Amino acid sequence: MSVSKTRARPTLRSVLGRGHLSVALVAVAMASISLTLLGVLALRVYADHNLHLIARSINYTVEAAVVFNDSVAATEALAVIASTEEVAQADVFDASGKLLAHWQRPETGMLSKVELELAHTLLEQPISQPIMHQGKVIGSIQLSGHGGSLLRFLLSGLAGILVCTALSTWVALYLARRMLRGITGPLHSLAKVAHAVRSGRAFDRRVPPAQIAELDSLGNDFNALLDELEAWQFHLQSENETLAHQATHDSLTGLPNRSFFEGRLIRALRSAAKLNERVAVLFLDSDRFKDINDSFGHAAGDAVLVALAQRVRVQLREEDLVARLGGDEFAILLTPLHKIEDAQRIADKILASMDTPIMLPGNTQVLTSLSIGIAVYPDHGTTPGTLLNAADAAMYQAKRLSQGGQHMAGSVPAALIHQRRS
């Protein structure tokens, strides 16, 4: 079974960096090769011209030796000039073509062979120049150039190419990195913000401005899109919070509803069982709500419920919870409860707050009262249902004994536990 290996994709920075470096190296190489070729051509012309000048100088020097057919003098004169010039080989012939003098540069090693090979390959063919005396041709000179200057030129050119290549590479890398920062920097910021939005829903993140116009425009468009997404996210969050609040709270009083209260009660009992604490549940019922609602209308009944909710909430601690269970029934969760007397004290404060008349629509005032039943965990129940039932039964007992009072569960007669008001 063959296993395919996934190659890592190159980054934009590496691709652009290699591209700039390649372009710089190719440009330097082409320019260096062109300059070298032009230099070789110019040196070739110069060498040819120089050989003709050397030939004229030898012509004047060996003219007398050729006239007298003195081979020794011609050889000495030829060696004096050829040894100091860029000459590889020099020959002097008489009028009949007989070799009169010969000089050849001695080979001193590999470098000398390379110079000769360069001369034979790149320079002109050996030149031939007649030796004149009194207007007559008395012989001839044949010269072959030497490649020493050419070799030095090529070596210096090669060194220049290497230096220019190194400098160009450094400059190309510097300019490429400088330009890449302007390109990859904004793109990296854009990708980073996009990843934060996708993974962490960070709609408050924004792409910073870029120096390049196109990238800056792209960043601005992306930021505008994030503005819309953030607004939409805020709208959805607000809608969800509103729906969640409506699902768990009473629309009239703003208090939590029965479902929310029972959920909190379950968690409170679990915590109390672990920490060995007490929890109190207070069941509240309005004593005159039905009469007020029938006499003054539903608007008056709603005003009474809102006033009851406000007055009860003010009497509680910050960590306590009051909820409207339905109709004119309310429930209070006191957690943690340090002493049973604390629950009775809070119930007394709530009952006392009912002494102030409630203002109804139409500038009418009414007085009402509450009957409160108290049940404590674990004394009167260990489950939410039993605790609520005990508090409910205690509330009805308080209502039967005296309206506007409180009663603690446990002292209620068994026959009255499940009775309801008719």
Protein backbone atom coordinates (compact mmCIF):
# COMPACT_ATOMS: atom_id res chain seq x y z
CA MET A 1 0.00 0.00 0.00
CA SER A 2 1.47 3.34 -1.01
CA VAL A 3 1.46 6.22 1.40
CA SER A 4 1.16 9.64 -0.20
CA LYS A 5 3.05 12.40 1.51
CA THR A 6 1.49 15.81 1.55
CA ARG A 7 3.99 18.49 0.68
CA ALA A 8 3.91 21.64 2.73
CA ARG A 9 2.74 24.57 0.67
CA PRO A 10 5.31 27.35 0.28
CA THR A 11 4.55 30.66 1.90
CA LEU A 12 4.03 33.85 -0.09
CA ARG A 13 7.10 35.29 1.61
CA SER A 14 9.33 32.43 0.44
CA VAL A 15 7.93 32.48 -3.10
CA LEU A 16 8.40 36.23 -3.53
CA GLY A 17 11.80 36.10 -1.83
CA ARG A 18 13.08 33.40 -4.15
CA GLY A 19 11.62 35.21 -7.14
CA HIS A 20 13.34 38.49 -6.30
CA LEU A 21 16.61 36.73 -5.61
CA SER A 22 16.45 34.79 -8.88
CA VAL A 23 15.67 37.93 -10.88
CA ALA A 24 18.53 39.80 -9.22
CA LEU A 25 21.02 37.00 -9.83
CA VAL A 26 19.97 36.55 -13.47
CA ALA A 27 20.17 40.30 -14.07
CA VAL A 28 23.63 40.54 -12.53
CA ALA A 29 24.84 37.47 -14.40
CA MET A 30 23.56 38.77 -17.76
CA ALA A 31 25.03 42.19 -17.16
CA SER A 32 28.38 40.69 -16.10
CA ILE A 33 28.54 38.34 -19.10
CA SER A 34 27.67 41.19 -21.47
CA LEU A 35 30.33 43.45 -20.00
CA THR A 36 32.87 40.64 -20.13
CA LEU A 37 32.16 39.94 -23.81
CA LEU A 38 32.39 43.63 -24.66
CA GLY A 39 35.64 43.82 -22.73
CA VAL A 40 37.08 40.80 -24.57
CA LEU A 41 36.17 42.35 -27.93
CA ALA A 42 37.71 45.66 -26.91
CA LEU A 43 40.85 43.89 -25.66
CA ARG A 44 41.08 41.96 -28.90
CA VAL A 45 41.08 45.16 -30.92
CA TYR A 46 43.59 46.69 -28.53
CA ALA A 47 45.88 43.62 -28.71
CA ASP A 48 45.82 43.64 -32.51
CA HIS A 49 46.68 47.32 -32.58
CA ASN A 50 49.43 46.76 -30.02
CA LEU A 51 50.92 43.91 -32.08
CA HIS A 52 51.18 46.21 -35.08
CA LEU A 53 52.96 48.82 -32.98
CA ILE A 54 55.36 46.17 -31.64
CA ALA A 55 55.98 44.96 -35.19
CA ARG A 56 56.93 48.49 -36.31
CA SER A 57 59.27 48.84 -33.37
CA ILE A 58 60.96 45.50 -34.21
CA ASN A 59 61.07 46.57 -37.85
CA TYR A 60 63.17 49.60 -37.01
CA THR A 61 65.40 47.60 -34.67
CA VAL A 62 66.22 44.63 -36.92
CA GLU A 63 66.30 46.55 -40.21
CA ALA A 64 70.09 46.88 -40.16
CA ALA A 65 70.62 43.25 -39.16
CA VAL A 66 68.38 42.12 -42.05
CA VAL A 67 70.23 44.35 -44.52
CA PHE A 68 73.53 42.74 -43.52
CA ASN A 69 71.91 39.31 -43.10
CA ASP A 70 73.23 39.15 -39.53
CA SER A 71 71.19 36.44 -37.82
CA VAL A 72 72.84 36.90 -34.40
CA ALA A 73 72.21 40.64 -34.30
CA ALA A 74 68.65 40.17 -35.52
CA THR A 75 67.97 37.56 -32.81
CA GLU A 76 69.41 39.79 -30.08
CA ALA A 77 67.44 42.83 -31.24
CA LEU A 78 64.28 40.75 -31.52
CA ALA A 79 64.67 39.30 -28.02
CA VAL A 80 65.20 42.74 -26.44
CA ILE A 81 61.84 44.05 -27.67
CA ALA A 82 59.72 40.84 -27.68
CA SER A 83 60.64 39.87 -24.13
CA THR A 84 59.20 43.12 -22.75
CA GLU A 85 55.99 43.13 -24.76
CA GLU A 86 52.84 40.99 -24.98
CA VAL A 87 54.39 38.67 -27.57
CA ALA A 88 54.21 34.89 -27.55
CA GLN A 89 56.36 34.29 -30.65
CA ALA A 90 58.27 36.47 -33.09
CA ASP A 91 60.01 35.50 -36.39
CA VAL A 92 62.13 37.57 -38.77
CA PHE A 93 62.49 36.45 -42.38
CA ASP A 94 64.73 37.74 -45.15
CA ALA A 95 63.53 38.68 -48.61
CA SER A 96 63.62 35.06 -49.79
CA GLY A 97 61.52 33.89 -46.80
CA LYS A 98 64.43 32.33 -44.97
CA LEU A 99 64.14 32.43 -41.17
CA LEU A 100 66.69 34.89 -39.96
CA ALA A 101 65.73 35.25 -36.25
CA HIS A 102 63.32 33.50 -33.95
CA TRP A 103 62.10 34.28 -30.44
CA GLN A 104 59.54 32.41 -28.37
CA ARG A 105 58.37 33.17 -24.83
CA PRO A 106 59.50 30.36 -22.56
CA GLU A 107 56.76 28.32 -20.87
CA THR A 108 57.00 28.67 -17.09
CA GLY A 109 54.15 26.37 -16.06
CA MET A 110 50.45 25.79 -16.34
CA LEU A 111 49.68 29.51 -16.26
CA SER A 112 51.81 30.13 -19.33
CA LYS A 113 50.00 27.35 -21.22
CA VAL A 114 46.63 28.85 -20.28
CA GLU A 115 47.75 32.25 -21.51
CA LEU A 116 48.84 30.81 -24.84
CA GLU A 117 45.58 28.88 -25.26
CA LEU A 118 43.60 32.04 -24.59
CA ALA A 119 45.70 33.92 -27.12
CA HIS A 120 45.17 31.28 -29.79
CA THR A 121 41.42 31.07 -29.06
CA LEU A 122 40.38 34.70 -28.56
CA LEU A 123 43.00 36.91 -30.24
CA GLU A 124 43.53 37.59 -33.92
CA GLN A 125 45.73 35.36 -36.05
CA PRO A 126 49.46 36.15 -36.09
CA ILE A 127 50.20 39.36 -37.98
CA SER A 128 52.82 39.77 -40.66
CA GLN A 129 54.54 43.05 -41.51
CA PRO A 130 57.20 43.72 -44.21
CA ILE A 131 60.62 45.16 -43.41
CA MET A 132 61.33 48.11 -45.72
CA HIS A 133 64.71 49.61 -46.61
CA GLN A 134 64.96 52.47 -49.08
CA GLY A 135 61.54 51.68 -50.39
CA LYS A 136 62.26 48.00 -50.98
CA VAL A 137 61.03 44.92 -49.08
CA ILE A 138 64.07 43.27 -47.57
CA GLY A 139 62.22 40.84 -45.27
CA SER A 140 59.23 40.37 -43.02
CA ILE A 141 58.22 40.07 -39.35
CA GLN A 142 55.56 37.66 -38.04
CA LEU A 143 54.19 38.12 -34.50
CA SER A 144 51.81 36.11 -32.31
CA GLY A 145 50.19 37.80 -29.36
CA HIS A 146 50.45 36.62 -25.77
CA GLY A 147 47.34 36.12 -23.56
CA GLY A 148 48.68 37.45 -20.29
CA SER A 149 46.67 40.70 -20.31
CA LEU A 150 43.60 38.85 -21.51
CA LEU A 151 43.88 36.30 -18.72
CA ARG A 152 44.28 39.02 -16.11
CA PHE A 153 41.28 40.84 -17.58
CA LEU A 154 39.15 37.69 -17.48
CA LEU A 155 40.21 36.90 -13.93
CA SER A 156 39.46 40.42 -12.78
CA GLY A 157 36.14 40.28 -14.63
CA LEU A 158 35.31 36.99 -12.94
CA ALA A 159 36.21 38.47 -9.56
CA GLY A 160 34.04 41.48 -10.35
CA ILE A 161 31.17 39.20 -11.30
CA LEU A 162 31.45 37.33 -8.01
CA VAL A 163 31.63 40.57 -6.01
CA CYS A 164 28.70 42.07 -7.91
CA THR A 165 26.72 38.86 -7.47
CA ALA A 166 27.34 38.85 -3.73
CA LEU A 167 26.43 42.53 -3.39
CA SER A 168 23.40 42.13 -5.61
CA THR A 169 22.27 39.13 -3.60
CA TRP A 170 22.52 41.10 -0.38
CA VAL A 171 20.77 44.13 -1.88
CA ALA A 172 18.08 41.92 -3.43
CA LEU A 173 17.45 40.17 -0.13
CA TYR A 174 17.31 43.49 1.72
CA LEU A 175 14.93 45.07 -0.78
CA ALA A 176 12.87 41.89 -1.03
CA ARG A 177 12.48 41.69 2.75
CA ARG A 178 11.62 45.35 2.91
CA MET A 179 9.00 44.97 0.19
CA LEU A 180 7.75 41.69 1.62
CA ARG A 181 7.09 43.37 4.94
CA GLY A 182 4.75 45.71 3.13
CA ILE A 183 2.95 42.81 1.41
CA THR A 184 3.05 39.85 3.76
CA GLY A 185 2.67 41.96 6.91
CA PRO A 186 -0.87 43.18 6.08
CA LEU A 187 -1.80 39.75 4.69
CA HIS A 188 -0.55 38.11 7.89
CA SER A 189 -2.58 40.57 9.97
CA LEU A 190 -5.62 39.87 7.80
CA ALA A 191 -5.19 36.11 8.18
CA LYS A 192 -4.64 36.46 11.94
CA VAL A 193 -7.81 38.50 12.41
CA ALA A 194 -9.79 36.12 10.17
CA HIS A 195 -8.58 33.14 12.22
CA ALA A 196 -9.49 34.89 15.48
CA VAL A 197 -12.97 35.65 14.13
CA ARG A 198 -13.47 32.10 12.84
CA SER A 199 -12.13 30.24 15.88
CA GLY A 200 -12.93 32.59 18.76
CA ARG A 201 -15.76 34.72 17.33
CA ALA A 202 -13.61 37.79 18.06
CA PHE A 203 -15.70 40.21 16.01
CA ASP A 204 -14.11 43.18 17.78
CA ARG A 205 -10.74 42.56 16.12
CA ARG A 206 -9.70 44.85 13.25
CA VAL A 207 -7.03 44.78 10.54
CA PRO A 208 -4.46 47.62 10.93
CA PRO A 209 -3.83 50.05 8.03
CA ALA A 210 -1.39 49.03 5.29
CA GLN A 211 1.02 51.17 3.26
CA ILE A 212 0.09 49.55 -0.06
CA ALA A 213 -3.16 50.99 -1.42
CA GLU A 214 -4.66 47.70 -2.62
CA LEU A 215 -3.91 45.90 0.64
CA ASP A 216 -5.18 48.85 2.66
CA SER A 217 -8.42 48.81 0.64
CA LEU A 218 -8.73 45.07 1.22
CA GLY A 219 -8.21 45.58 4.97
CA ASN A 220 -10.81 48.38 5.06
CA ASP A 221 -13.36 46.20 3.26
CA PHE A 222 -12.65 43.35 5.67
CA ASN A 223 -13.04 45.70 8.64
CA ALA A 224 -16.34 46.96 7.23
CA LEU A 225 -17.49 43.36 6.91
CA LEU A 226 -16.45 42.75 10.53
CA ASP A 227 -18.44 45.83 11.57
CA GLU A 228 -21.54 44.34 9.98
CA LEU A 229 -20.86 40.93 11.51
CA GLU A 230 -20.28 42.48 14.92
CA ALA A 231 -23.53 44.44 14.67
CA TRP A 232 -25.38 41.32 13.58
CA GLN A 233 -23.74 39.28 16.35
CA PHE A 234 -24.73 41.92 18.90
CA HIS A 235 -28.26 41.92 17.53
CA LEU A 236 -28.47 38.12 17.72
CA GLN A 237 -26.99 38.13 21.21
CA SER A 238 -29.50 40.75 22.34
CA GLU A 239 -32.33 38.78 20.78
CA ASN A 240 -31.14 35.58 22.45
CA GLU A 241 -30.78 37.30 25.80
CA THR A 242 -34.23 38.80 25.42
CA LEU A 243 -35.73 35.44 24.50
CA ALA A 244 -33.87 33.70 27.34
CA HIS A 245 -35.07 36.37 29.78
CA GLN A 246 -38.63 36.07 28.52
CA ALA A 247 -38.47 32.29 28.88
CA THR A 248 -37.29 32.46 32.49
CA HIS A 249 -38.88 35.69 33.79
CA ASP A 250 -42.33 37.07 34.35
CA SER A 251 -43.19 39.77 31.83
CA LEU A 252 -45.27 41.82 34.28
CA THR A 253 -43.06 42.03 37.36
CA GLY A 254 -39.71 41.19 35.80
CA LEU A 255 -39.18 38.49 38.43
CA PRO A 256 -37.94 34.99 37.59
CA ASN A 257 -40.73 32.51 36.87
CA ARG A 258 -41.49 29.10 38.40
CA SER A 259 -39.16 27.23 36.02
CA PHE A 260 -36.21 29.47 36.86
CA PHE A 261 -36.95 29.28 40.59
CA GLU A 262 -37.15 25.48 40.60
CA GLY A 263 -33.84 25.23 38.73
CA ARG A 264 -32.12 27.48 41.26
CA LEU A 265 -33.71 25.56 44.10
CA ILE A 266 -32.35 22.25 42.76
CA ARG A 267 -28.80 23.66 42.57
CA ALA A 268 -29.12 25.26 46.01
CA LEU A 269 -30.19 21.97 47.61
CA ARG A 270 -27.28 20.12 45.97
CA SER A 271 -24.83 22.70 47.25
CA ALA A 272 -26.38 22.67 50.71
CA ALA A 273 -26.12 18.87 50.86
CA LYS A 274 -22.39 19.03 50.03
CA LEU A 275 -21.62 21.92 52.41
CA ASN A 276 -24.03 20.81 55.18
CA GLU A 277 -25.91 24.11 55.04
CA ARG A 278 -29.54 25.14 55.44
CA VAL A 279 -31.82 26.57 52.80
CA ALA A 280 -35.16 28.32 53.39
CA VAL A 281 -38.13 28.58 51.03
CA LEU A 282 -40.79 31.24 51.67
CA PHE A 283 -44.18 30.89 49.99
CA LEU A 284 -46.07 34.21 49.69
CA ASP A 285 -49.71 34.81 48.76
CA SER A 286 -51.65 38.07 48.57
CA ASP A 287 -54.65 38.19 50.93
CA ARG A 288 -56.85 40.70 49.07
CA PHE A 289 -55.68 40.36 45.48
CA LYS A 290 -58.93 38.77 44.18
CA ASP A 291 -61.07 41.45 45.78
CA ILE A 292 -58.89 44.27 44.40
CA ASN A 293 -58.84 42.72 40.93
CA ASP A 294 -62.64 42.28 40.91
CA SER A 295 -63.34 45.74 42.33
CA PHE A 296 -60.84 47.91 40.44
CA GLY A 297 -60.06 45.84 37.33
CA HIS A 298 -57.13 43.97 35.92
CA ALA A 299 -54.98 47.10 35.59
CA ALA A 300 -55.26 47.61 39.33
CA GLY A 301 -54.43 43.96 39.93
CA ASP A 302 -51.32 44.29 37.78
CA ALA A 303 -50.26 47.40 39.71
CA VAL A 304 -50.62 45.49 42.97
CA LEU A 305 -48.48 42.60 41.70
CA VAL A 306 -45.75 44.99 40.50
CA ALA A 307 -45.74 46.81 43.84
CA LEU A 308 -45.59 43.53 45.77
CA ALA A 309 -42.64 42.35 43.68
CA GLN A 310 -40.74 45.60 44.25
CA ARG A 311 -41.32 45.66 47.99
CA VAL A 312 -40.36 42.02 48.46
CA ARG A 313 -37.17 42.38 46.40
CA VAL A 314 -36.00 45.34 48.49
CA GLN A 315 -36.15 43.31 51.71
CA LEU A 316 -33.89 40.50 50.47
CA ARG A 317 -30.15 39.99 50.44
CA GLU A 318 -28.24 40.20 47.17
CA GLU A 319 -27.75 36.44 46.97
CA ASP A 320 -31.43 35.65 47.70
CA LEU A 321 -34.01 35.01 44.98
CA VAL A 322 -37.67 35.98 44.64
CA ALA A 323 -39.87 34.59 41.85
CA ARG A 324 -43.48 34.87 40.77
CA LEU A 325 -44.94 31.37 40.61
CA GLY A 326 -48.21 32.49 39.05
CA GLY A 327 -51.21 34.65 39.86
CA ASP A 328 -50.59 36.32 43.21
CA GLU A 329 -48.21 33.63 44.48
CA PHE A 330 -44.53 34.36 45.05
CA ALA A 331 -41.64 32.27 46.35
CA ILE A 332 -38.38 33.28 47.99
CA LEU A 333 -35.16 31.24 48.20
CA LEU A 334 -32.82 32.13 51.05
CA THR A 335 -29.40 30.54 50.65
CA PRO A 336 -27.38 30.02 52.67
CA LEU A 337 -29.52 30.20 55.83
CA HIS A 338 -27.42 30.50 58.95
CA LYS A 339 -30.31 30.51 61.45
CA ILE A 340 -34.03 29.79 61.16
CA GLU A 341 -34.65 33.11 62.87
CA ASP A 342 -33.11 34.88 59.85
CA ALA A 343 -35.92 33.56 57.65
CA GLN A 344 -38.52 34.70 60.16
CA ARG A 345 -36.87 38.12 60.44
CA ILE A 346 -36.93 38.61 56.64
CA ALA A 347 -40.59 37.49 56.57
CA ASP A 348 -41.42 40.10 59.24
CA LYS A 349 -39.70 42.83 57.18
CA ILE A 350 -41.72 41.84 54.12
CA LEU A 351 -44.96 41.88 56.12
CA ALA A 352 -44.09 45.30 57.53
CA SER A 353 -43.53 46.73 54.04
CA MET A 354 -47.18 46.00 53.28
CA ASP A 355 -48.35 48.67 55.76
CA THR A 356 -47.88 51.37 53.13
CA PRO A 357 -50.86 51.76 50.73
CA ILE A 358 -50.38 50.83 47.08
CA MET A 359 -51.13 53.50 44.47
CA LEU A 360 -53.50 52.27 41.73
CA PRO A 361 -54.25 53.80 38.32
CA GLY A 362 -56.66 56.68 38.75
CA ASN A 363 -54.88 57.95 41.89
CA THR A 364 -56.59 55.34 44.11
CA GLN A 365 -54.84 53.78 47.09
CA VAL A 366 -55.44 50.34 48.56
CA LEU A 367 -54.01 48.33 51.42
CA THR A 368 -53.17 44.67 51.09
CA SER A 369 -51.25 42.06 53.05
CA LEU A 370 -49.30 38.86 52.50
CA SER A 371 -49.46 35.47 54.13
CA ILE A 372 -46.07 33.75 54.30
CA GLY A 373 -45.21 30.10 54.84
CA ILE A 374 -41.64 29.09 55.68
CA ALA A 375 -39.97 25.70 55.07
CA VAL A 376 -36.32 24.91 55.83
CA TYR A 377 -34.02 22.30 54.31
CA PRO A 378 -33.43 19.65 55.60
CA ASP A 379 -35.85 20.06 58.52
CA HIS A 380 -39.07 20.17 56.46
CA GLY A 381 -38.00 18.49 53.21
CA THR A 382 -35.00 17.30 51.24
CA THR A 383 -36.33 17.66 47.68
CA PRO A 384 -37.59 20.73 45.82
CA GLY A 385 -41.13 19.31 45.69
CA THR A 386 -41.44 18.45 49.35
CA LEU A 387 -39.89 21.75 50.40
CA LEU A 388 -42.28 23.79 48.22
CA ASN A 389 -45.27 21.77 49.41
CA ALA A 390 -44.28 22.28 53.02
CA ALA A 391 -43.90 26.05 52.49
CA ASP A 392 -47.22 26.15 50.62
CA ALA A 393 -49.02 24.30 53.40
CA ALA A 394 -47.44 26.62 56.00
CA MET A 395 -48.63 29.65 54.00
CA TYR A 396 -52.24 28.38 54.03
CA GLN A 397 -51.98 27.76 57.74
CA ALA A 398 -50.78 31.36 58.21
CA LYS A 399 -53.68 32.61 56.12
CA ARG A 400 -56.18 30.60 58.24
CA LEU A 401 -54.68 31.71 61.52
CA SER A 402 -54.46 35.42 60.67
CA GLN A 403 -54.04 37.13 57.32
CA GLY A 404 -50.90 39.19 57.01
CA GLY A 405 -48.83 36.81 59.12
CA GLN A 406 -46.17 34.13 58.78
CA HIS A 407 -46.04 30.47 59.77
CA MET A 408 -43.20 27.95 60.00
CA ALA A 409 -43.72 24.48 58.54
CA GLY A 410 -43.75 21.58 60.94
CA SER A 411 -46.42 22.86 63.26
CA VAL A 412 -49.15 22.48 60.66
CA PRO A 413 -51.69 19.74 61.46
CA ALA A 414 -51.41 16.75 59.14
CA ALA A 415 -55.03 17.09 58.08
CA LEU A 416 -54.39 20.56 56.71
CA ILE A 417 -51.23 19.85 54.68
CA HIS A 418 -53.00 19.23 51.35
CA GLN A 419 -55.94 21.58 51.81
CA ARG A 420 -56.34 24.52 49.44
CA ARG A 421 -58.30 27.66 49.82
CA SER A 422 -61.73 27.31 48.28
